[in-house]
Amino acid sequence: MLDGWSLTSLVADLLDLHRQAVAHGRAPELPAAPAFAEYVALERAALDSADALEFWRGSLAELRPVRFARRGAVAAGGPVHEVRRSYAALAEPIGRLAQAAGVPRRTVLVAAFHHTMSLFAERDEAAAGHSVGLVTNGRPEVAGADRMRGLFLNTVPFGVARPRGSWLEYLRAVFTAEQEMLPHRRLPLARMAQLRPGEPNLVEAIFNYVNFHRLSHDTWDESLEIARTMFPLLVNASVNGFTLDADPEYVAPATAEQLADVLCALIAAMVADPHGPVTRPALTGPARTTALETWGRGPVRENAPLLFHEHVAAHAVRTPEAVAVEHGALQLTYGRLHVEAEDLAARLRALGVGTETVVGICVDRGPDMVRAALGVLRAGGAFVPLDPSTPPSGSRSWPRTAGCGCCSPRPRWRAPCRSAGRCCCWTSRPGRRPQSATGHPDRSGNPARTPWRTSSTPPDRPARRRGSGSRSAA
């Protein structure tokens, strides 16, 4: 088995020896090179290295791998979807950016890929950031190592903390992380996986920088240089462009095309304003237009006969133990969700919530948002999502402005409610009656949800739509 460098250099040597034998009549003789056993010895030493194990144990604990869910509607074993993109026009600007940051060109592309993959990263505040797979070369640092033949590659988890400064600062942070990783790059990925028993794959999105001698087209088929892998996503980047290989079982071909466009746009943004702040990756230009105007429309379907909360109730009857909501390590079944939503709806009805009543929902994204929305809909009302990160000064005008109350799982501020109606607190325990209150929300050990009820619906009340099978308020 040979890596790309070994394969092309071996073929180049064989062709050169053949030409020498034919033209000069000399006996073929390959140049001297260190034995492959030297690399084997280094890898075995890495297996027993306490420093390497400690480094990877800490790195795996701090970062969350980018992972892809299997797409259920795709047959296994299908062909890999390949996307090709060129950034030849940016080759010189990339070089200037690398020089300004004091890093290799490769680091610019590694940073761009790592940041692009934040689109798929798990949003875990307990983690410093996310990690991707980085293909590294473990050749020995000895004279003549470039003439060694074999497979010297290893794929390792690689990542940095979430960027908060400029692109130049981000590039330097990535380069520093690369330098810290290099002494430990030979520890096999299979050994790293043993450090996190029971977890899925440590790497699923892979970046490989290809920068070695490529043979001319009359003696070599370019498609043979890089073999397919078993990873869901693989990017092979070079000086002037990249290929992106996506497994349709995990990444839809349309998503792969979008991802390639995002990566190109991100590289262009980096070289355009190196001192500018790091921004989230996003679709731009024609790719954004296609996503919004073509793919964003979705299929045309007739209105569903059931509303959203009625669909959930039907699922609770058919499959009560099926998972309805998954948020981090928490899973909420349809049966449990149905019971809790109905309990909340009963409490809302007791407060007067019904048709033409608007209730604000001020919760973080997660199970509480789903419970609150279903409870309001089952009570017959409509809901307005509100941002719980708004400071107290801005939140006090919500009830009057939106013509609604606020439903929240926990008291966020000490300031009293300024609703025109009354404030109600309740717990999630079934069977408990709502308690009227004024001023502060419930501060007991149980989370409190606090809806306000207005005496009338505002003139600009939200419309109710049945097209998506739900009642909503914008």
Protein backbone atom coordinates (compact mmCIF):
# COMPACT_ATOMS: atom_id res chain seq x y z
CA MET A 1 0.00 0.00 0.00
CA LEU A 2 1.33 3.43 -0.98
CA ASP A 3 0.37 6.98 -0.18
CA GLY A 4 0.08 9.55 -2.97
CA TRP A 5 3.64 10.84 -2.63
CA SER A 6 5.10 7.30 -2.67
CA LEU A 7 3.01 6.23 -5.65
CA THR A 8 3.81 9.14 -7.95
CA SER A 9 7.48 9.32 -7.01
CA LEU A 10 7.86 5.55 -7.51
CA VAL A 11 6.29 5.70 -10.96
CA ALA A 12 8.48 8.70 -11.82
CA ASP A 13 11.60 6.80 -10.74
CA LEU A 14 10.60 3.71 -12.73
CA LEU A 15 10.01 5.78 -15.87
CA ASP A 16 13.36 7.54 -15.38
CA LEU A 17 15.19 4.23 -14.92
CA HIS A 18 13.53 2.84 -18.03
CA ARG A 19 14.62 5.85 -20.07
CA GLN A 20 18.18 5.55 -18.76
CA ALA A 21 18.34 1.85 -19.59
CA VAL A 22 17.01 2.39 -23.10
CA ALA A 23 19.03 5.52 -23.91
CA HIS A 24 22.28 4.73 -22.12
CA GLY A 25 22.22 0.98 -21.65
CA ARG A 26 22.71 1.23 -17.87
CA ALA A 27 21.38 -1.37 -15.43
CA PRO A 28 18.40 -0.04 -13.45
CA GLU A 29 19.21 0.92 -9.85
CA LEU A 30 16.83 2.69 -7.50
CA PRO A 31 18.28 5.47 -5.31
CA ALA A 32 19.01 4.55 -1.66
CA ALA A 33 16.32 5.29 0.91
CA PRO A 34 15.77 4.55 4.63
CA ALA A 35 13.96 1.31 5.41
CA PHE A 36 10.22 1.37 6.07
CA ALA A 37 11.00 -0.31 9.38
CA GLU A 38 12.09 3.07 10.73
CA TYR A 39 8.55 4.38 10.37
CA VAL A 40 7.12 1.23 11.95
CA ALA A 41 9.39 1.76 14.95
CA LEU A 42 8.14 5.35 15.35
CA GLU A 43 4.49 4.25 15.25
CA ARG A 44 5.10 1.53 17.81
CA ALA A 45 6.80 4.05 20.06
CA ALA A 46 3.74 6.33 19.75
CA LEU A 47 1.51 3.50 20.97
CA ASP A 48 3.44 3.37 24.24
CA SER A 49 4.00 7.13 24.58
CA ALA A 50 2.43 8.51 27.76
CA ASP A 51 2.77 12.05 26.37
CA ALA A 52 0.87 11.15 23.18
CA LEU A 53 -1.93 9.42 25.08
CA GLU A 54 -2.27 12.34 27.47
CA PHE A 55 -2.33 14.85 24.62
CA TRP A 56 -5.10 13.06 22.74
CA ARG A 57 -7.08 12.33 25.89
CA GLY A 58 -7.22 16.05 26.63
CA SER A 59 -7.92 17.05 23.04
CA LEU A 60 -10.80 14.59 22.67
CA ALA A 61 -12.35 15.84 25.92
CA GLU A 62 -12.27 19.50 24.86
CA LEU A 63 -13.64 19.19 21.31
CA ARG A 64 -16.80 17.66 19.84
CA PRO A 65 -16.39 15.79 16.53
CA VAL A 66 -18.43 16.86 13.52
CA ARG A 67 -20.75 13.96 12.75
CA PHE A 68 -23.39 13.22 10.11
CA ALA A 69 -26.64 11.32 10.61
CA ARG A 70 -27.42 8.52 8.20
CA ARG A 71 -30.10 9.46 5.67
CA GLY A 72 -32.79 6.81 5.84
CA ALA A 73 -34.13 7.15 2.29
CA VAL A 74 -30.81 6.39 0.54
CA ALA A 75 -29.71 2.88 -0.40
CA ALA A 76 -26.37 1.79 0.99
CA GLY A 77 -23.39 1.24 -1.29
CA GLY A 78 -24.24 3.95 -3.83
CA PRO A 79 -21.60 5.90 -5.74
CA VAL A 80 -19.75 8.73 -4.03
CA HIS A 81 -20.85 12.21 -5.13
CA GLU A 82 -17.84 14.24 -6.24
CA VAL A 83 -17.74 18.04 -6.37
CA ARG A 84 -14.86 19.97 -7.95
CA ARG A 85 -14.13 23.62 -7.34
CA SER A 86 -11.27 25.85 -8.45
CA TYR A 87 -9.91 28.84 -6.56
CA ALA A 88 -6.97 29.40 -8.91
CA ALA A 89 -7.82 33.11 -9.02
CA LEU A 90 -7.27 33.22 -5.25
CA ALA A 91 -3.97 31.32 -5.26
CA GLU A 92 -1.83 34.45 -5.00
CA PRO A 93 -4.08 36.19 -2.42
CA ILE A 94 -4.02 32.99 -0.33
CA GLY A 95 -0.24 33.09 -0.43
CA ARG A 96 -0.17 36.72 0.67
CA LEU A 97 -2.62 35.96 3.49
CA ALA A 98 -0.45 33.08 4.66
CA GLN A 99 2.61 35.32 4.62
CA ALA A 100 0.83 38.05 6.58
CA ALA A 101 -0.26 35.54 9.22
CA GLY A 102 3.15 33.85 9.32
CA VAL A 103 1.70 30.42 8.49
CA PRO A 104 1.97 27.95 5.59
CA ARG A 105 -0.55 28.08 2.73
CA ARG A 106 -1.88 24.74 3.93
CA THR A 107 -2.95 26.28 7.24
CA VAL A 108 -5.19 28.80 5.43
CA LEU A 109 -7.07 25.96 3.74
CA VAL A 110 -7.22 23.87 6.93
CA ALA A 111 -8.70 26.84 8.81
CA ALA A 112 -11.26 27.50 6.05
CA PHE A 113 -12.41 23.86 6.06
CA HIS A 114 -12.53 23.66 9.86
CA HIS A 115 -14.62 26.84 10.08
CA THR A 116 -16.95 25.72 7.27
CA MET A 117 -17.67 22.50 9.12
CA SER A 118 -18.96 24.51 12.08
CA LEU A 119 -22.26 24.41 10.16
CA PHE A 120 -22.55 20.75 11.20
CA ALA A 121 -20.98 21.04 14.66
CA GLU A 122 -22.90 20.09 17.77
CA ARG A 123 -23.82 23.19 19.77
CA ASP A 124 -22.42 22.12 23.10
CA GLU A 125 -21.48 25.04 25.34
CA ALA A 126 -19.48 22.69 27.55
CA ALA A 127 -17.04 22.06 24.69
CA ALA A 128 -14.36 24.52 23.58
CA GLY A 129 -15.14 23.91 19.91
CA HIS A 130 -15.47 21.21 17.26
CA SER A 131 -13.02 18.90 15.54
CA VAL A 132 -12.61 17.50 12.04
CA GLY A 133 -10.33 14.81 10.65
CA LEU A 134 -6.93 15.98 9.42
CA VAL A 135 -4.74 13.75 7.27
CA THR A 136 -1.13 13.92 8.52
CA ASN A 137 2.15 12.51 7.21
CA GLY A 138 4.26 10.52 9.63
CA ARG A 139 7.42 10.08 7.56
CA PRO A 140 10.58 9.98 9.70
CA GLU A 141 12.54 13.23 9.89
CA VAL A 142 15.75 11.70 8.50
CA ALA A 143 17.82 12.24 5.38
CA GLY A 144 16.30 10.56 2.33
CA ALA A 145 12.87 10.08 3.94
CA ASP A 146 11.26 11.60 0.85
CA ARG A 147 12.41 8.53 -1.10
CA MET A 148 10.79 6.04 1.29
CA ARG A 149 7.90 4.05 -0.20
CA GLY A 150 4.81 3.03 1.73
CA LEU A 151 1.74 4.35 3.52
CA PHE A 152 2.76 7.00 6.03
CA LEU A 153 -0.59 8.73 6.46
CA ASN A 154 -2.71 8.92 9.59
CA THR A 155 -6.02 10.70 10.15
CA VAL A 156 -6.28 12.51 13.48
CA PRO A 157 -8.98 14.63 15.16
CA PHE A 158 -8.09 18.29 14.86
CA GLY A 159 -9.76 21.46 16.06
CA VAL A 160 -9.43 24.78 17.83
CA ALA A 161 -11.61 26.82 20.16
CA ARG A 162 -14.42 28.87 18.68
CA PRO A 163 -12.86 31.92 16.97
CA ARG A 164 -13.58 35.31 18.54
CA GLY A 165 -11.08 37.62 16.83
CA SER A 166 -9.93 38.38 13.30
CA TRP A 167 -9.13 35.99 10.48
CA LEU A 168 -5.41 36.51 11.09
CA GLU A 169 -5.81 35.57 14.75
CA TYR A 170 -7.80 32.52 13.75
CA LEU A 171 -5.09 31.39 11.30
CA ARG A 172 -2.41 31.74 13.96
CA ALA A 173 -4.51 29.74 16.44
CA VAL A 174 -4.94 26.95 13.86
CA PHE A 175 -1.20 26.93 13.13
CA THR A 176 -0.38 26.77 16.84
CA ALA A 177 -2.75 23.81 17.22
CA GLU A 178 -1.05 22.09 14.27
CA GLN A 179 2.38 22.57 15.84
CA GLU A 180 1.17 21.16 19.17
CA MET A 181 -0.32 18.14 17.43
CA LEU A 182 2.66 17.24 15.20
CA PRO A 183 4.77 15.37 17.80
CA HIS A 184 1.77 13.10 18.52
CA ARG A 185 0.49 12.60 14.96
CA ARG A 186 1.67 9.00 14.65
CA LEU A 187 -0.67 7.55 17.29
CA PRO A 188 -3.09 5.40 15.23
CA LEU A 189 -6.70 6.56 15.08
CA ALA A 190 -7.85 3.14 16.30
CA ARG A 191 -5.83 3.65 19.48
CA MET A 192 -7.36 7.10 20.00
CA ALA A 193 -10.83 5.61 19.75
CA GLN A 194 -10.03 3.42 22.76
CA LEU A 195 -9.66 6.60 24.80
CA ARG A 196 -13.37 7.36 24.25
CA PRO A 197 -15.07 3.94 24.58
CA GLY A 198 -18.70 3.72 23.53
CA GLU A 199 -18.61 6.86 21.38
CA PRO A 200 -19.26 6.92 17.61
CA ASN A 201 -16.52 7.67 15.08
CA LEU A 202 -14.00 10.27 16.18
CA VAL A 203 -13.73 11.69 12.66
CA GLU A 204 -16.27 11.84 9.83
CA ALA A 205 -15.35 15.03 7.94
CA ILE A 206 -11.78 14.76 6.59
CA PHE A 207 -9.38 17.33 5.14
CA ASN A 208 -6.35 16.26 3.10
CA TYR A 209 -3.88 18.71 1.60
CA VAL A 210 -2.25 17.31 -1.54
CA ASN A 211 0.96 19.07 -2.49
CA PHE A 212 3.39 16.72 -4.22
CA HIS A 213 4.81 16.15 -7.69
CA ARG A 214 2.08 15.22 -10.16
CA LEU A 215 3.01 13.37 -13.32
CA SER A 216 2.14 14.73 -16.73
CA HIS A 217 -1.11 13.62 -18.34
CA ASP A 218 0.63 11.58 -21.01
CA THR A 219 2.08 9.19 -18.42
CA TRP A 220 -0.46 9.23 -15.61
CA ASP A 221 -4.17 9.07 -14.95
CA GLU A 222 -4.93 11.79 -12.37
CA SER A 223 -7.97 9.92 -11.07
CA LEU A 224 -5.70 7.16 -9.69
CA GLU A 225 -3.73 9.44 -7.38
CA ILE A 226 -6.34 9.62 -4.61
CA ALA A 227 -8.41 6.64 -3.55
CA ARG A 228 -11.92 6.80 -2.08
CA THR A 229 -12.31 6.41 1.66
CA MET A 230 -15.02 5.18 3.98
CA PHE A 231 -15.60 8.60 5.57
CA PRO A 232 -18.90 10.45 4.95
CA LEU A 233 -17.10 13.60 3.75
CA LEU A 234 -13.60 14.04 2.34
CA VAL A 235 -11.97 17.17 0.91
CA ASN A 236 -8.73 16.82 -1.05
CA ALA A 237 -7.32 20.32 -1.46
CA SER A 238 -4.37 21.52 -3.54
CA VAL A 239 -2.87 24.88 -4.42
CA ASN A 240 -5.50 25.78 -7.02
CA GLY A 241 -8.66 23.92 -6.03
CA PHE A 242 -10.25 20.99 -4.28
CA THR A 243 -12.45 17.96 -4.74
CA LEU A 244 -15.17 17.14 -2.23
CA ASP A 245 -16.31 13.52 -1.99
CA ALA A 246 -19.62 13.00 -0.18
CA ASP A 247 -21.25 9.71 0.72
CA PRO A 248 -24.95 10.12 -0.20
CA GLU A 249 -25.89 7.89 2.73
CA TYR A 250 -24.89 10.78 4.99
CA VAL A 251 -24.61 13.93 2.88
CA ALA A 252 -27.12 14.73 0.11
CA PRO A 253 -25.52 15.64 -3.24
CA ALA A 254 -27.26 19.02 -3.17
CA THR A 255 -25.82 19.67 0.29
CA ALA A 256 -22.35 18.72 -0.95
CA GLU A 257 -22.64 21.25 -3.78
CA GLN A 258 -23.73 23.95 -1.33
CA LEU A 259 -20.92 23.06 1.04
CA ALA A 260 -18.34 23.44 -1.71
CA ASP A 261 -19.73 26.88 -2.55
CA VAL A 262 -19.63 27.91 1.12
CA LEU A 263 -15.99 26.82 1.39
CA CYS A 264 -15.02 28.85 -1.67
CA ALA A 265 -16.92 31.91 -0.40
CA LEU A 266 -15.25 31.61 3.00
CA ILE A 267 -11.75 31.52 1.47
CA ALA A 268 -12.62 34.61 -0.57
CA ALA A 269 -13.85 36.41 2.57
CA MET A 270 -10.64 35.55 4.44
CA VAL A 271 -8.32 36.96 1.76
CA ALA A 272 -10.54 40.02 1.19
CA ASP A 273 -10.38 41.26 4.79
CA PRO A 274 -7.71 39.46 6.87
CA HIS A 275 -8.11 41.92 9.75
CA GLY A 276 -11.90 41.64 9.78
CA PRO A 277 -13.79 39.63 12.40
CA VAL A 278 -14.42 35.95 11.83
CA THR A 279 -17.97 35.51 10.55
CA ARG A 280 -20.18 32.45 10.39
CA PRO A 281 -20.03 30.54 7.10
CA ALA A 282 -23.05 31.15 4.88
CA LEU A 283 -24.25 30.79 1.32
CA THR A 284 -23.67 33.80 -0.91
CA GLY A 285 -24.26 34.77 -4.53
CA PRO A 286 -25.91 32.30 -6.94
CA ALA A 287 -25.73 29.46 -4.40
CA ARG A 288 -27.82 31.47 -1.93
CA THR A 289 -30.31 32.41 -4.65
CA THR A 290 -30.73 28.75 -5.62
CA ALA A 291 -31.19 27.67 -2.00
CA LEU A 292 -33.81 30.33 -1.27
CA GLU A 293 -35.74 30.47 -4.54
CA THR A 294 -35.54 26.86 -5.71
CA TRP A 295 -34.80 24.45 -2.89
CA GLY A 296 -36.43 26.65 -0.25
CA ARG A 297 -39.88 26.35 -1.82
CA GLY A 298 -40.14 22.61 -1.26
CA PRO A 299 -42.77 20.36 -2.78
CA VAL A 300 -46.31 21.62 -3.37
CA ARG A 301 -48.74 19.64 -1.23
CA GLU A 302 -52.34 19.94 -0.18
CA ASN A 303 -53.13 21.21 3.29
CA ALA A 304 -53.00 18.51 5.94
CA PRO A 305 -56.36 17.66 7.53
CA LEU A 306 -54.82 17.77 11.03
CA LEU A 307 -53.17 20.60 12.91
CA PHE A 308 -49.65 20.23 14.28
CA HIS A 309 -50.67 19.38 17.83
CA GLU A 310 -53.20 16.88 16.48
CA HIS A 311 -50.41 15.13 14.55
CA VAL A 312 -48.39 14.89 17.76
CA ALA A 313 -51.37 13.45 19.63
CA ALA A 314 -51.86 10.85 16.89
CA HIS A 315 -48.21 9.84 17.11
CA ALA A 316 -48.56 9.51 20.88
CA VAL A 317 -51.35 6.99 20.37
CA ARG A 318 -49.53 4.99 17.67
CA THR A 319 -45.96 5.08 19.02
CA PRO A 320 -45.90 6.46 22.58
CA GLU A 321 -42.32 5.26 23.22
CA ALA A 322 -40.86 6.79 20.04
CA VAL A 323 -38.53 9.74 20.56
CA ALA A 324 -40.22 13.03 19.67
CA VAL A 325 -37.62 15.55 20.89
CA GLU A 326 -33.89 15.05 21.27
CA HIS A 327 -31.79 17.82 22.82
CA GLY A 328 -28.25 16.94 23.79
CA ALA A 329 -28.45 13.92 26.09
CA LEU A 330 -32.18 14.46 26.79
CA GLN A 331 -34.82 12.46 24.94
CA LEU A 332 -38.55 13.10 25.20
CA THR A 333 -41.01 10.49 23.92
CA TYR A 334 -44.28 11.24 22.14
CA GLY A 335 -46.24 9.78 25.05
CA ARG A 336 -44.51 11.95 27.64
CA LEU A 337 -44.70 15.03 25.41
CA HIS A 338 -48.43 14.52 24.86
CA VAL A 339 -49.13 14.22 28.60
CA GLU A 340 -47.10 17.29 29.50
CA ALA A 341 -48.57 19.38 26.68
CA GLU A 342 -52.13 18.43 27.69
CA ASP A 343 -51.38 19.29 31.34
CA LEU A 344 -50.10 22.70 30.27
CA ALA A 345 -53.11 23.23 28.00
CA ALA A 346 -55.48 22.52 30.88
CA ARG A 347 -53.76 25.11 33.03
CA LEU A 348 -53.86 27.67 30.23
CA ARG A 349 -57.58 27.06 29.66
CA ALA A 350 -58.16 27.62 33.39
CA LEU A 351 -56.55 31.04 32.95
CA GLY A 352 -58.84 31.90 30.07
CA VAL A 353 -56.60 31.01 27.13
CA GLY A 354 -58.66 29.96 24.14
CA THR A 355 -59.59 31.05 20.65
CA GLU A 356 -58.23 34.51 19.72
CA THR A 357 -55.80 34.45 22.68
CA VAL A 358 -52.13 35.13 21.99
CA VAL A 359 -49.49 33.77 24.37
CA GLY A 360 -45.82 34.69 24.23
CA ILE A 361 -43.23 31.95 24.62
CA CYS A 362 -39.96 33.14 26.14
CA VAL A 363 -37.76 30.05 26.39
CA ASP A 364 -34.49 28.77 24.98
CA ARG A 365 -34.61 26.38 22.06
CA GLY A 366 -35.17 22.88 23.38
CA PRO A 367 -37.84 20.65 24.92
CA ASP A 368 -39.45 23.53 26.85
CA MET A 369 -40.11 25.37 23.58
CA VAL A 370 -41.89 22.32 22.13
CA ARG A 371 -43.90 21.72 25.30
CA ALA A 372 -44.98 25.35 25.51
CA ALA A 373 -45.96 25.61 21.83
CA LEU A 374 -48.00 22.41 21.96
CA GLY A 375 -49.67 23.47 25.19
CA VAL A 376 -50.76 26.80 23.74
CA LEU A 377 -52.04 25.19 20.54
CA ARG A 378 -53.95 22.51 22.44
CA ALA A 379 -55.56 25.24 24.55
CA GLY A 380 -56.79 26.86 21.32
CA GLY A 381 -54.51 29.88 21.38
CA ALA A 382 -51.73 31.17 19.18
CA PHE A 383 -48.13 31.75 20.26
CA VAL A 384 -45.48 34.38 19.68
CA PRO A 385 -41.84 33.23 20.12
CA LEU A 386 -39.86 35.78 22.15
CA ASP A 387 -36.10 36.05 22.63
CA PRO A 388 -35.11 35.12 26.21
CA SER A 389 -31.73 36.83 25.80
CA THR A 390 -33.34 40.29 25.65
CA PRO A 391 -32.32 42.41 28.67
CA PRO A 392 -34.97 43.15 31.32
CA SER A 393 -35.39 46.73 30.11
CA GLY A 394 -36.57 45.53 26.71
CA SER A 395 -38.58 42.57 27.98
CA ARG A 396 -40.93 44.68 30.09
CA SER A 397 -42.63 46.07 27.00
CA TRP A 398 -43.32 42.66 25.47
CA PRO A 399 -46.82 42.00 26.85
CA ARG A 400 -48.15 45.43 25.86
CA THR A 401 -46.46 45.50 22.45
CA ALA A 402 -47.34 41.95 21.39
CA GLY A 403 -50.69 41.84 23.13
CA CYS A 404 -49.75 38.64 24.89
CA GLY A 405 -48.38 37.12 28.02
CA CYS A 406 -45.13 35.23 28.45
CA CYS A 407 -44.60 31.53 29.01
CA SER A 408 -41.15 30.80 30.48
CA PRO A 409 -39.72 27.73 32.27
CA ARG A 410 -37.59 29.73 34.71
CA PRO A 411 -37.47 33.24 36.22
CA ARG A 412 -34.71 35.18 34.49
CA TRP A 413 -34.91 38.55 36.21
CA ARG A 414 -35.85 40.05 39.52
CA ALA A 415 -37.93 42.79 37.97
CA PRO A 416 -41.70 42.33 38.47
CA CYS A 417 -44.02 41.52 35.58
CA ARG A 418 -45.40 44.61 33.80
CA SER A 419 -48.26 42.84 32.06
CA ALA A 420 -51.66 44.46 31.72
CA GLY A 421 -53.15 41.18 32.90
CA ARG A 422 -52.14 38.85 35.66
CA CYS A 423 -49.19 36.53 36.04
CA CYS A 424 -49.60 32.83 36.60
CA CYS A 425 -47.00 30.32 37.78
CA TRP A 426 -47.23 26.55 37.61
CA THR A 427 -45.05 23.47 37.79
CA SER A 428 -44.78 20.61 35.33
CA ARG A 429 -46.28 18.11 37.79
CA PRO A 430 -49.63 16.81 36.50
CA GLY A 431 -52.68 17.55 38.54
CA ARG A 432 -51.50 20.74 40.19
CA ARG A 433 -53.79 23.72 39.78
CA PRO A 434 -52.39 27.04 38.55
CA GLN A 435 -51.75 29.71 41.17
CA SER A 436 -52.40 33.38 40.53
CA ALA A 437 -49.62 35.70 41.50
CA THR A 438 -48.41 39.23 41.05
CA GLY A 439 -44.90 40.57 40.90
CA HIS A 440 -42.16 37.96 40.79
CA PRO A 441 -42.57 34.58 39.09
CA ASP A 442 -42.59 31.43 41.19
CA ARG A 443 -39.19 30.99 42.86
CA SER A 444 -39.76 27.51 44.24
CA GLY A 445 -37.52 24.61 43.32
CA ASN A 446 -39.74 23.72 40.35
CA PRO A 447 -39.30 25.57 37.04
CA ALA A 448 -42.03 28.17 36.52
CA ARG A 449 -43.84 29.09 33.35
CA THR A 450 -45.34 32.57 33.40
CA PRO A 451 -48.09 33.46 30.88
CA TRP A 452 -49.86 36.80 30.86
CA ARG A 453 -53.44 37.12 29.58
CA THR A 454 -54.59 40.35 27.98
CA SER A 455 -58.16 41.55 28.01
CA SER A 456 -58.39 41.78 24.25
CA THR A 457 -56.54 40.67 21.16
CA PRO A 458 -54.53 43.45 19.49
CA PRO A 459 -55.71 44.67 16.09
CA ASP A 460 -52.61 43.26 14.40
CA ARG A 461 -53.01 39.80 15.91
CA PRO A 462 -51.15 37.03 14.09
CA ALA A 463 -53.00 35.05 11.46
CA ARG A 464 -53.57 31.34 11.82
CA ARG A 465 -52.44 29.08 9.02
CA ARG A 466 -53.40 25.53 8.29
CA GLY A 467 -51.01 24.95 5.40
CA SER A 468 -48.29 23.49 7.61
CA GLY A 469 -50.70 21.76 9.93
CA SER A 470 -50.09 24.18 12.79
CA ARG A 471 -51.20 27.45 14.29
CA SER A 472 -48.43 29.97 14.56
CA ALA A 473 -47.81 33.62 15.17
CA ALA A 474 -45.12 35.66 13.47
